[in-house]
Amino acid sequence: VAIAVVGLFADTIVAAVERKHYPEALASARDVPLARSLRMGLGSA
């Protein structure tokens, strides 16, 4: 349950880490749509 839930907000965490430590990667990253995040989280669970 915890991994499925955090998967919904994972983009925010990843972006925060990239903003601080990997700004060049953040510049080329693309946001993961909510539907895909939900699919990945439910798949994990």
ModelCIF file with pLDDT and N, C-alpha, C, O atoms, coordinates in Angstrom:
data_MODEL
#
_entry.id   MODEL 
#
_entity.id                         1 
_entity.type                       polymer 
_entity.pdbx_number_of_molecules   1 
#
_entity_poly.entity_id                      1 
_entity_poly.type                           'polypeptide(L)' 
_entity_poly.nstd_linkage                   no 
_entity_poly.nstd_monomer                   no 
_entity_poly.pdbx_seq_one_letter_code       VAIAVVGLFADTIVAAVERKHYPEALASARDVPLARSLRMGLGSA 
_entity_poly.pdbx_seq_one_letter_code_can   VAIAVVGLFADTIVAAVERKHYPEALASARDVPLARSLRMGLGSA 
_entity_poly.pdbx_strand_id                 A 
#
loop_
_entity_poly_seq.entity_id 
_entity_poly_seq.num 
_entity_poly_seq.mon_id 
_entity_poly_seq.hetero 
1 1  VAL n 
1 2  ALA n 
1 3  ILE n 
1 4  ALA n 
1 5  VAL n 
1 6  VAL n 
1 7  GLY n 
1 8  LEU n 
1 9  PHE n 
1 10 ALA n 
1 11 ASP n 
1 12 THR n 
1 13 ILE n 
1 14 VAL n 
1 15 ALA n 
1 16 ALA n 
1 17 VAL n 
1 18 GLU n 
1 19 ARG n 
1 20 LYS n 
1 21 HIS n 
1 22 TYR n 
1 23 PRO n 
1 24 GLU n 
1 25 ALA n 
1 26 LEU n 
1 27 ALA n 
1 28 SER n 
1 29 ALA n 
1 30 ARG n 
1 31 ASP n 
1 32 VAL n 
1 33 PRO n 
1 34 LEU n 
1 35 ALA n 
1 36 ARG n 
1 37 SER n 
1 38 LEU n 
1 39 ARG n 
1 40 MET n 
1 41 GLY n 
1 42 LEU n 
1 43 GLY n 
1 44 SER n 
1 45 ALA n 
#
_struct_asym.id          A 
_struct_asym.entity_id   1 
#
loop_
_ma_qa_metric.id 
_ma_qa_metric.mode 
_ma_qa_metric.name 
_ma_qa_metric.software_group_id 
_ma_qa_metric.type 
1 global pLDDT . pLDDT 
2 local  pLDDT . pLDDT 
#
_ma_qa_metric_global.metric_id      1 
_ma_qa_metric_global.metric_value   89.42 
_ma_qa_metric_global.model_id       1 
_ma_qa_metric_global.ordinal_id     1 
#
loop_
_ma_qa_metric_local.label_asym_id 
_ma_qa_metric_local.label_comp_id 
_ma_qa_metric_local.label_seq_id 
_ma_qa_metric_local.metric_id 
_ma_qa_metric_local.metric_value 
_ma_qa_metric_local.model_id 
_ma_qa_metric_local.ordinal_id 
A VAL 1  2 87.00 1 1  
A ALA 2  2 87.00 1 2  
A ILE 3  2 86.00 1 3  
A ALA 4  2 87.00 1 4  
A VAL 5  2 88.00 1 5  
A VAL 6  2 87.00 1 6  
A GLY 7  2 86.00 1 7  
A LEU 8  2 87.00 1 8  
A PHE 9  2 89.00 1 9  
A ALA 10 2 88.00 1 10 
A ASP 11 2 89.00 1 11 
A THR 12 2 91.00 1 12 
A ILE 13 2 92.00 1 13 
A VAL 14 2 93.00 1 14 
A ALA 15 2 93.00 1 15 
A ALA 16 2 93.00 1 16 
A VAL 17 2 94.00 1 17 
A GLU 18 2 95.00 1 18 
A ARG 19 2 93.00 1 19 
A LYS 20 2 93.00 1 20 
A HIS 21 2 93.00 1 21 
A TYR 22 2 94.00 1 22 
A PRO 23 2 93.00 1 23 
A GLU 24 2 92.00 1 24 
A ALA 25 2 91.00 1 25 
A LEU 26 2 91.00 1 26 
A ALA 27 2 90.00 1 27 
A SER 28 2 89.00 1 28 
A ALA 29 2 91.00 1 29 
A ARG 30 2 89.00 1 30 
A ASP 31 2 86.00 1 31 
A VAL 32 2 87.00 1 32 
A PRO 33 2 87.00 1 33 
A LEU 34 2 85.00 1 34 
A ALA 35 2 88.00 1 35 
A ARG 36 2 87.00 1 36 
A SER 37 2 87.00 1 37 
A LEU 38 2 87.00 1 38 
A ARG 39 2 89.00 1 39 
A MET 40 2 88.00 1 40 
A GLY 41 2 87.00 1 41 
A LEU 42 2 88.00 1 42 
A GLY 43 2 90.00 1 43 
A SER 44 2 89.00 1 44 
A ALA 45 2 88.00 1 45 
#
loop_
_atom_site.group_PDB 
_atom_site.id 
_atom_site.type_symbol 
_atom_site.label_atom_id 
_atom_site.label_alt_id 
_atom_site.label_comp_id 
_atom_site.label_asym_id 
_atom_site.label_entity_id 
_atom_site.label_seq_id 
_atom_site.pdbx_PDB_ins_code 
_atom_site.Cartn_x 
_atom_site.Cartn_y 
_atom_site.Cartn_z 
_atom_site.occupancy 
_atom_site.B_iso_or_equiv 
_atom_site.pdbx_formal_charge 
_atom_site.auth_seq_id 
_atom_site.auth_comp_id 
_atom_site.auth_asym_id 
_atom_site.auth_atom_id 
_atom_site.pdbx_PDB_model_num 
ATOM 1   N N  . VAL A 1 1  ? 0.830  -1.210 0.000   1.00 87.00 ? 1  VAL A N  1 
ATOM 2   C CA . VAL A 1 1  ? 0.000  0.000  0.000   1.00 87.00 ? 1  VAL A CA 1 
ATOM 3   C C  . VAL A 1 1  ? 0.863  1.259  0.000   1.00 87.00 ? 1  VAL A C  1 
ATOM 4   O O  . VAL A 1 1  ? 0.584  2.208  -0.732  1.00 87.00 ? 1  VAL A O  1 
ATOM 5   N N  . ALA A 1 2  ? 1.915  1.265  0.824   1.00 87.00 ? 2  ALA A N  1 
ATOM 6   C CA . ALA A 1 2  ? 2.760  2.456  0.946   1.00 87.00 ? 2  ALA A CA 1 
ATOM 7   C C  . ALA A 1 2  ? 3.457  2.792  -0.364  1.00 87.00 ? 2  ALA A C  1 
ATOM 8   O O  . ALA A 1 2  ? 3.521  3.961  -0.746  1.00 87.00 ? 2  ALA A O  1 
ATOM 9   N N  . ILE A 1 3  ? 3.986  1.777  -1.064  1.00 86.00 ? 3  ILE A N  1 
ATOM 10  C CA . ILE A 1 3  ? 4.673  2.023  -2.328  1.00 86.00 ? 3  ILE A CA 1 
ATOM 11  C C  . ILE A 1 3  ? 3.679  2.445  -3.402  1.00 86.00 ? 3  ILE A C  1 
ATOM 12  O O  . ILE A 1 3  ? 3.978  3.321  -4.214  1.00 86.00 ? 3  ILE A O  1 
ATOM 13  N N  . ALA A 1 4  ? 2.493  1.826  -3.414  1.00 87.00 ? 4  ALA A N  1 
ATOM 14  C CA . ALA A 1 4  ? 1.467  2.218  -4.387  1.00 87.00 ? 4  ALA A CA 1 
ATOM 15  C C  . ALA A 1 4  ? 1.067  3.677  -4.182  1.00 87.00 ? 4  ALA A C  1 
ATOM 16  O O  . ALA A 1 4  ? 0.883  4.416  -5.150  1.00 87.00 ? 4  ALA A O  1 
ATOM 17  N N  . VAL A 1 5  ? 0.933  4.090  -2.921  1.00 88.00 ? 5  VAL A N  1 
ATOM 18  C CA . VAL A 1 5  ? 0.530  5.473  -2.623  1.00 88.00 ? 5  VAL A CA 1 
ATOM 19  C C  . VAL A 1 5  ? 1.632  6.454  -2.977  1.00 88.00 ? 5  VAL A C  1 
ATOM 20  O O  . VAL A 1 5  ? 1.382  7.464  -3.634  1.00 88.00 ? 5  VAL A O  1 
ATOM 21  N N  . VAL A 1 6  ? 2.864  6.158  -2.540  1.00 87.00 ? 6  VAL A N  1 
ATOM 22  C CA . VAL A 1 6  ? 3.954  7.098  -2.807  1.00 87.00 ? 6  VAL A CA 1 
ATOM 23  C C  . VAL A 1 6  ? 4.232  7.186  -4.306  1.00 87.00 ? 6  VAL A C  1 
ATOM 24  O O  . VAL A 1 6  ? 4.760  8.190  -4.785  1.00 87.00 ? 6  VAL A O  1 
ATOM 25  N N  . GLY A 1 7  ? 3.872  6.123  -5.052  1.00 86.00 ? 7  GLY A N  1 
ATOM 26  C CA . GLY A 1 7  ? 4.030  6.163  -6.496  1.00 86.00 ? 7  GLY A CA 1 
ATOM 27  C C  . GLY A 1 7  ? 3.220  7.275  -7.140  1.00 86.00 ? 7  GLY A C  1 
ATOM 28  O O  . GLY A 1 7  ? 3.599  7.797  -8.188  1.00 86.00 ? 7  GLY A O  1 
ATOM 29  N N  . LEU A 1 8  ? 2.097  7.641  -6.514  1.00 87.00 ? 8  LEU A N  1 
ATOM 30  C CA . LEU A 1 8  ? 1.274  8.721  -7.037  1.00 87.00 ? 8  LEU A CA 1 
ATOM 31  C C  . LEU A 1 8  ? 1.991  10.070 -6.954  1.00 87.00 ? 8  LEU A C  1 
ATOM 32  O O  . LEU A 1 8  ? 1.752  10.964 -7.766  1.00 87.00 ? 8  LEU A O  1 
ATOM 33  N N  . PHE A 1 9  ? 2.876  10.203 -5.957  1.00 89.00 ? 9  PHE A N  1 
ATOM 34  C CA . PHE A 1 9  ? 3.561  11.475 -5.728  1.00 89.00 ? 9  PHE A CA 1 
ATOM 35  C C  . PHE A 1 9  ? 5.063  11.377 -6.004  1.00 89.00 ? 9  PHE A C  1 
ATOM 36  O O  . PHE A 1 9  ? 5.818  12.302 -5.709  1.00 89.00 ? 9  PHE A O  1 
ATOM 37  N N  . ALA A 1 10 ? 5.485  10.244 -6.573  1.00 88.00 ? 10 ALA A N  1 
ATOM 38  C CA . ALA A 1 10 ? 6.923  10.026 -6.759  1.00 88.00 ? 10 ALA A CA 1 
ATOM 39  C C  . ALA A 1 10 ? 7.558  11.092 -7.632  1.00 88.00 ? 10 ALA A C  1 
ATOM 40  O O  . ALA A 1 10 ? 8.709  11.467 -7.412  1.00 88.00 ? 10 ALA A O  1 
ATOM 41  N N  . ASP A 1 11 ? 6.821  11.587 -8.622  1.00 89.00 ? 11 ASP A N  1 
ATOM 42  C CA . ASP A 1 11 ? 7.373  12.595 -9.520  1.00 89.00 ? 11 ASP A CA 1 
ATOM 43  C C  . ASP A 1 11 ? 7.857  13.820 -8.746  1.00 89.00 ? 11 ASP A C  1 
ATOM 44  O O  . ASP A 1 11 ? 8.880  14.414 -9.084  1.00 89.00 ? 11 ASP A O  1 
ATOM 45  N N  . THR A 1 12 ? 7.112  14.189 -7.709  1.00 91.00 ? 12 THR A N  1 
ATOM 46  C CA . THR A 1 12 ? 7.485  15.357 -6.905  1.00 91.00 ? 12 THR A CA 1 
ATOM 47  C C  . THR A 1 12 ? 8.791  15.111 -6.160  1.00 91.00 ? 12 THR A C  1 
ATOM 48  O O  . THR A 1 12 ? 9.653  15.988 -6.104  1.00 91.00 ? 12 THR A O  1 
ATOM 49  N N  . ILE A 1 13 ? 8.937  13.911 -5.585  1.00 92.00 ? 13 ILE A N  1 
ATOM 50  C CA . ILE A 1 13 ? 10.168 13.581 -4.855  1.00 92.00 ? 13 ILE A CA 1 
ATOM 51  C C  . ILE A 1 13 ? 11.356 13.542 -5.813  1.00 92.00 ? 13 ILE A C  1 
ATOM 52  O O  . ILE A 1 13 ? 12.404 14.127 -5.539  1.00 92.00 ? 13 ILE A O  1 
ATOM 53  N N  . VAL A 1 14 ? 11.185 12.848 -6.941  1.00 93.00 ? 14 VAL A N  1 
ATOM 54  C CA . VAL A 1 14 ? 12.275 12.725 -7.912  1.00 93.00 ? 14 VAL A CA 1 
ATOM 55  C C  . VAL A 1 14 ? 12.686 14.099 -8.422  1.00 93.00 ? 14 VAL A C  1 
ATOM 56  O O  . VAL A 1 14 ? 13.876 14.388 -8.546  1.00 93.00 ? 14 VAL A O  1 
ATOM 57  N N  . ALA A 1 15 ? 11.700 14.949 -8.719  1.00 93.00 ? 15 ALA A N  1 
ATOM 58  C CA . ALA A 1 15 ? 12.010 16.298 -9.211  1.00 93.00 ? 15 ALA A CA 1 
ATOM 59  C C  . ALA A 1 15 ? 12.761 17.113 -8.162  1.00 93.00 ? 15 ALA A C  1 
ATOM 60  O O  . ALA A 1 15 ? 13.660 17.884 -8.498  1.00 93.00 ? 15 ALA A O  1 
ATOM 61  N N  . ALA A 1 16 ? 12.394 16.944 -6.894  1.00 93.00 ? 16 ALA A N  1 
ATOM 62  C CA . ALA A 1 16 ? 13.072 17.688 -5.818  1.00 93.00 ? 16 ALA A CA 1 
ATOM 63  C C  . ALA A 1 16 ? 14.532 17.259 -5.702  1.00 93.00 ? 16 ALA A C  1 
ATOM 64  O O  . ALA A 1 16 ? 15.418 18.096 -5.528  1.00 93.00 ? 16 ALA A O  1 
ATOM 65  N N  . VAL A 1 17 ? 14.780 15.949 -5.800  1.00 94.00 ? 17 VAL A N  1 
ATOM 66  C CA . VAL A 1 17 ? 16.162 15.454 -5.737  1.00 94.00 ? 17 VAL A CA 1 
ATOM 67  C C  . VAL A 1 17 ? 16.946 15.912 -6.963  1.00 94.00 ? 17 VAL A C  1 
ATOM 68  O O  . VAL A 1 17 ? 18.100 16.325 -6.845  1.00 94.00 ? 17 VAL A O  1 
ATOM 69  N N  . GLU A 1 18 ? 16.328 15.841 -8.129  1.00 95.00 ? 18 GLU A N  1 
ATOM 70  C CA . GLU A 1 18 ? 17.012 16.269 -9.350  1.00 95.00 ? 18 GLU A CA 1 
ATOM 71  C C  . GLU A 1 18 ? 17.296 17.768 -9.332  1.00 95.00 ? 18 GLU A C  1 
ATOM 72  O O  . GLU A 1 18 ? 18.341 18.212 -9.806  1.00 95.00 ? 18 GLU A O  1 
ATOM 73  N N  . ARG A 1 19 ? 16.377 18.534 -8.792  1.00 93.00 ? 19 ARG A N  1 
ATOM 74  C CA . ARG A 1 19 ? 16.567 19.985 -8.731  1.00 93.00 ? 19 ARG A CA 1 
ATOM 75  C C  . ARG A 1 19 ? 17.791 20.339 -7.900  1.00 93.00 ? 19 ARG A C  1 
ATOM 76  O O  . ARG A 1 19 ? 18.517 21.278 -8.226  1.00 93.00 ? 19 ARG A O  1 
ATOM 77  N N  . LYS A 1 20 ? 18.017 19.601 -6.842  1.00 93.00 ? 20 LYS A N  1 
ATOM 78  C CA . LYS A 1 20 ? 19.134 19.893 -5.950  1.00 93.00 ? 20 LYS A CA 1 
ATOM 79  C C  . LYS A 1 20 ? 20.441 19.282 -6.416  1.00 93.00 ? 20 LYS A C  1 
ATOM 80  O O  . LYS A 1 20 ? 21.492 19.915 -6.311  1.00 93.00 ? 20 LYS A O  1 
ATOM 81  N N  . HIS A 1 21 ? 20.394 18.049 -6.934  1.00 93.00 ? 21 HIS A N  1 
ATOM 82  C CA . HIS A 1 21 ? 21.632 17.314 -7.217  1.00 93.00 ? 21 HIS A CA 1 
ATOM 83  C C  . HIS A 1 21 ? 21.909 17.083 -8.702  1.00 93.00 ? 21 HIS A C  1 
ATOM 84  O O  . HIS A 1 21 ? 23.064 16.925 -9.098  1.00 93.00 ? 21 HIS A O  1 
ATOM 85  N N  . TYR A 1 22 ? 20.856 17.063 -9.530  1.00 94.00 ? 22 TYR A N  1 
ATOM 86  C CA . TYR A 1 22 ? 21.043 16.732 -10.949 1.00 94.00 ? 22 TYR A CA 1 
ATOM 87  C C  . TYR A 1 22 ? 20.245 17.704 -11.822 1.00 94.00 ? 22 TYR A C  1 
ATOM 88  O O  . TYR A 1 22 ? 19.350 17.274 -12.549 1.00 94.00 ? 22 TYR A O  1 
ATOM 89  N N  . PRO A 1 23 ? 20.546 18.989 -11.766 1.00 93.00 ? 23 PRO A N  1 
ATOM 90  C CA . PRO A 1 23 ? 19.752 19.978 -12.505 1.00 93.00 ? 23 PRO A CA 1 
ATOM 91  C C  . PRO A 1 23 ? 19.749 19.765 -14.011 1.00 93.00 ? 23 PRO A C  1 
ATOM 92  O O  . PRO A 1 23 ? 18.769 20.087 -14.682 1.00 93.00 ? 23 PRO A O  1 
ATOM 93  N N  . GLU A 1 24 ? 20.848 19.220 -14.551 1.00 92.00 ? 24 GLU A N  1 
ATOM 94  C CA . GLU A 1 24 ? 20.894 18.985 -15.989 1.00 92.00 ? 24 GLU A CA 1 
ATOM 95  C C  . GLU A 1 24 ? 19.904 17.889 -16.395 1.00 92.00 ? 24 GLU A C  1 
ATOM 96  O O  . GLU A 1 24 ? 19.341 17.935 -17.489 1.00 92.00 ? 24 GLU A O  1 
ATOM 97  N N  . ALA A 1 25 ? 19.694 16.910 -15.517 1.00 91.00 ? 25 ALA A N  1 
ATOM 98  C CA . ALA A 1 25 ? 18.720 15.849 -15.797 1.00 91.00 ? 25 ALA A CA 1 
ATOM 99  C C  . ALA A 1 25 ? 17.297 16.378 -15.657 1.00 91.00 ? 25 ALA A C  1 
ATOM 100 O O  . ALA A 1 25 ? 16.409 15.986 -16.413 1.00 91.00 ? 25 ALA A O  1 
ATOM 101 N N  . LEU A 1 26 ? 17.081 17.267 -14.692 1.00 91.00 ? 26 LEU A N  1 
ATOM 102 C CA . LEU A 1 26 ? 15.748 17.844 -14.501 1.00 91.00 ? 26 LEU A CA 1 
ATOM 103 C C  . LEU A 1 26 ? 15.313 18.612 -15.738 1.00 91.00 ? 26 LEU A C  1 
ATOM 104 O O  . LEU A 1 26 ? 14.139 18.598 -16.106 1.00 91.00 ? 26 LEU A O  1 
ATOM 105 N N  . ALA A 1 27 ? 16.258 19.278 -16.373 1.00 90.00 ? 27 ALA A N  1 
ATOM 106 C CA . ALA A 1 27 ? 15.933 20.099 -17.545 1.00 90.00 ? 27 ALA A CA 1 
ATOM 107 C C  . ALA A 1 27 ? 15.390 19.262 -18.692 1.00 90.00 ? 27 ALA A C  1 
ATOM 108 O O  . ALA A 1 27 ? 14.576 19.750 -19.475 1.00 90.00 ? 27 ALA A O  1 
ATOM 109 N N  . SER A 1 28 ? 15.827 18.006 -18.807 1.00 89.00 ? 28 SER A N  1 
ATOM 110 C CA . SER A 1 28 ? 15.388 17.154 -19.913 1.00 89.00 ? 28 SER A CA 1 
ATOM 111 C C  . SER A 1 28 ? 14.323 16.141 -19.500 1.00 89.00 ? 28 SER A C  1 
ATOM 112 O O  . SER A 1 28 ? 13.864 15.358 -20.332 1.00 89.00 ? 28 SER A O  1 
ATOM 113 N N  . ALA A 1 29 ? 13.921 16.143 -18.219 1.00 91.00 ? 29 ALA A N  1 
ATOM 114 C CA . ALA A 1 29 ? 12.936 15.167 -17.734 1.00 91.00 ? 29 ALA A CA 1 
ATOM 115 C C  . ALA A 1 29 ? 11.539 15.516 -18.236 1.00 91.00 ? 29 ALA A C  1 
ATOM 116 O O  . ALA A 1 29 ? 11.246 16.668 -18.558 1.00 91.00 ? 29 ALA A O  1 
ATOM 117 N N  . ARG A 1 30 ? 10.691 14.505 -18.295 1.00 89.00 ? 30 ARG A N  1 
ATOM 118 C CA . ARG A 1 30 ? 9.294  14.738 -18.645 1.00 89.00 ? 30 ARG A CA 1 
ATOM 119 C C  . ARG A 1 30 ? 8.420  14.227 -17.500 1.00 89.00 ? 30 ARG A C  1 
ATOM 120 O O  . ARG A 1 30 ? 8.694  13.180 -16.914 1.00 89.00 ? 30 ARG A O  1 
ATOM 121 N N  . ASP A 1 31 ? 7.382  14.970 -17.196 1.00 86.00 ? 31 ASP A N  1 
ATOM 122 C CA . ASP A 1 31 ? 6.483  14.580 -16.111 1.00 86.00 ? 31 ASP A CA 1 
ATOM 123 C C  . ASP A 1 31 ? 5.772  13.276 -16.461 1.00 86.00 ? 31 ASP A C  1 
ATOM 124 O O  . ASP A 1 31 ? 5.404  13.037 -17.611 1.00 86.00 ? 31 ASP A O  1 
ATOM 125 N N  . VAL A 1 32 ? 5.590  12.445 -15.445 1.00 87.00 ? 32 VAL A N  1 
ATOM 126 C CA . VAL A 1 32 ? 4.858  11.184 -15.635 1.00 87.00 ? 32 VAL A CA 1 
ATOM 127 C C  . VAL A 1 32 ? 3.377  11.455 -15.374 1.00 87.00 ? 32 VAL A C  1 
ATOM 128 O O  . VAL A 1 32 ? 3.023  11.899 -14.282 1.00 87.00 ? 32 VAL A O  1 
ATOM 129 N N  . PRO A 1 33 ? 2.501  11.197 -16.354 1.00 87.00 ? 33 PRO A N  1 
ATOM 130 C CA . PRO A 1 33 ? 1.065  11.453 -16.147 1.00 87.00 ? 33 PRO A CA 1 
ATOM 131 C C  . PRO A 1 33 ? 0.523  10.693 -14.939 1.00 87.00 ? 33 PRO A C  1 
ATOM 132 O O  . PRO A 1 33 ? 1.008  9.614  -14.596 1.00 87.00 ? 33 PRO A O  1 
ATOM 133 N N  . LEU A 1 34 ? -0.487 11.274 -14.306 1.00 85.00 ? 34 LEU A N  1 
ATOM 134 C CA . LEU A 1 34 ? -1.079 10.651 -13.119 1.00 85.00 ? 34 LEU A CA 1 
ATOM 135 C C  . LEU A 1 34 ? -1.593 9.250  -13.425 1.00 85.00 ? 34 LEU A C  1 
ATOM 136 O O  . LEU A 1 34 ? -1.460 8.342  -12.604 1.00 85.00 ? 34 LEU A O  1 
ATOM 137 N N  . ALA A 1 35 ? -2.180 9.074  -14.605 1.00 88.00 ? 35 ALA A N  1 
ATOM 138 C CA . ALA A 1 35 ? -2.728 7.761  -14.954 1.00 88.00 ? 35 ALA A CA 1 
ATOM 139 C C  . ALA A 1 35 ? -1.618 6.715  -15.004 1.00 88.00 ? 35 ALA A C  1 
ATOM 140 O O  . ALA A 1 35 ? -1.812 5.583  -14.561 1.00 88.00 ? 35 ALA A O  1 
ATOM 141 N N  . ARG A 1 36 ? -0.459 7.087  -15.540 1.00 87.00 ? 36 ARG A N  1 
ATOM 142 C CA . ARG A 1 36 ? 0.653  6.140  -15.603 1.00 87.00 ? 36 ARG A CA 1 
ATOM 143 C C  . ARG A 1 36 ? 1.217  5.869  -14.211 1.00 87.00 ? 36 ARG A C  1 
ATOM 144 O O  . ARG A 1 36 ? 1.574  4.734  -13.894 1.00 87.00 ? 36 ARG A O  1 
ATOM 145 N N  . SER A 1 37 ? 1.298  6.915  -13.376 1.00 87.00 ? 37 SER A N  1 
ATOM 146 C CA . SER A 1 37 ? 1.767  6.728  -12.001 1.00 87.00 ? 37 SER A CA 1 
ATOM 147 C C  . SER A 1 37 ? 0.845  5.782  -11.244 1.00 87.00 ? 37 SER A C  1 
ATOM 148 O O  . SER A 1 37 ? 1.299  4.910  -10.503 1.00 87.00 ? 37 SER A O  1 
ATOM 149 N N  . LEU A 1 38 ? -0.459 5.968  -11.441 1.00 87.00 ? 38 LEU A N  1 
ATOM 150 C CA . LEU A 1 38 ? -1.434 5.094  -10.779 1.00 87.00 ? 38 LEU A CA 1 
ATOM 151 C C  . LEU A 1 38 ? -1.283 3.662  -11.275 1.00 87.00 ? 38 LEU A C  1 
ATOM 152 O O  . LEU A 1 38 ? -1.338 2.718  -10.488 1.00 87.00 ? 38 LEU A O  1 
ATOM 153 N N  . ARG A 1 39 ? -1.095 3.503  -12.577 1.00 89.00 ? 39 ARG A N  1 
ATOM 154 C CA . ARG A 1 39 ? -0.927 2.167  -13.158 1.00 89.00 ? 39 ARG A CA 1 
ATOM 155 C C  . ARG A 1 39 ? 0.320  1.484  -12.612 1.00 89.00 ? 39 ARG A C  1 
ATOM 156 O O  . ARG A 1 39 ? 0.295  0.299  -12.280 1.00 89.00 ? 39 ARG A O  1 
ATOM 157 N N  . MET A 1 40 ? 1.410  2.243  -12.523 1.00 88.00 ? 40 MET A N  1 
ATOM 158 C CA . MET A 1 40 ? 2.659  1.687  -11.999 1.00 88.00 ? 40 MET A CA 1 
ATOM 159 C C  . MET A 1 40 ? 2.516  1.325  -10.525 1.00 88.00 ? 40 MET A C  1 
ATOM 160 O O  . MET A 1 40 ? 3.001  0.279  -10.093 1.00 88.00 ? 40 MET A O  1 
ATOM 161 N N  . GLY A 1 41 ? 1.843  2.198  -9.740  1.00 87.00 ? 41 GLY A N  1 
ATOM 162 C CA . GLY A 1 41 ? 1.663  1.931  -8.316  1.00 87.00 ? 41 GLY A CA 1 
ATOM 163 C C  . GLY A 1 41 ? 0.811  0.697  -8.067  1.00 87.00 ? 41 GLY A C  1 
ATOM 164 O O  . GLY A 1 41 ? 1.142  -0.133 -7.220  1.00 87.00 ? 41 GLY A O  1 
ATOM 165 N N  . LEU A 1 42 ? -0.298 0.575  -8.812  1.00 88.00 ? 42 LEU A N  1 
ATOM 166 C CA . LEU A 1 42 ? -1.154 -0.603 -8.658  1.00 88.00 ? 42 LEU A CA 1 
ATOM 167 C C  . LEU A 1 42 ? -0.447 -1.860 -9.146  1.00 88.00 ? 42 LEU A C  1 
ATOM 168 O O  . LEU A 1 42 ? -0.633 -2.940 -8.583  1.00 88.00 ? 42 LEU A O  1 
ATOM 169 N N  . GLY A 1 43 ? 0.369  -1.720 -10.199 1.00 90.00 ? 43 GLY A N  1 
ATOM 170 C CA . GLY A 1 43 ? 1.147  -2.861 -10.684 1.00 90.00 ? 43 GLY A CA 1 
ATOM 171 C C  . GLY A 1 43 ? 2.133  -3.335 -9.642  1.00 90.00 ? 43 GLY A C  1 
ATOM 172 O O  . GLY A 1 43 ? 2.321  -4.537 -9.453  1.00 90.00 ? 43 GLY A O  1 
ATOM 173 N N  . SER A 1 44 ? 2.772  -2.375 -8.953  1.00 89.00 ? 44 SER A N  1 
ATOM 174 C CA . SER A 1 44 ? 3.712  -2.715 -7.885  1.00 89.00 ? 44 SER A CA 1 
ATOM 175 C C  . SER A 1 44 ? 3.015  -3.476 -6.763  1.00 89.00 ? 44 SER A C  1 
ATOM 176 O O  . SER A 1 44 ? 3.501  -4.512 -6.309  1.00 89.00 ? 44 SER A O  1 
ATOM 177 N N  . ALA A 1 45 ? 1.873  -2.956 -6.320  1.00 88.00 ? 45 ALA A N  1 
ATOM 178 C CA . ALA A 1 45 ? 1.129  -3.615 -5.249  1.00 88.00 ? 45 ALA A CA 1 
ATOM 179 C C  . ALA A 1 45 ? 0.650  -4.998 -5.681  1.00 88.00 ? 45 ALA A C  1 
ATOM 180 O O  . ALA A 1 45 ? 0.005  -5.700 -4.903  1.00 88.00 ? 45 ALA A O  1 
#
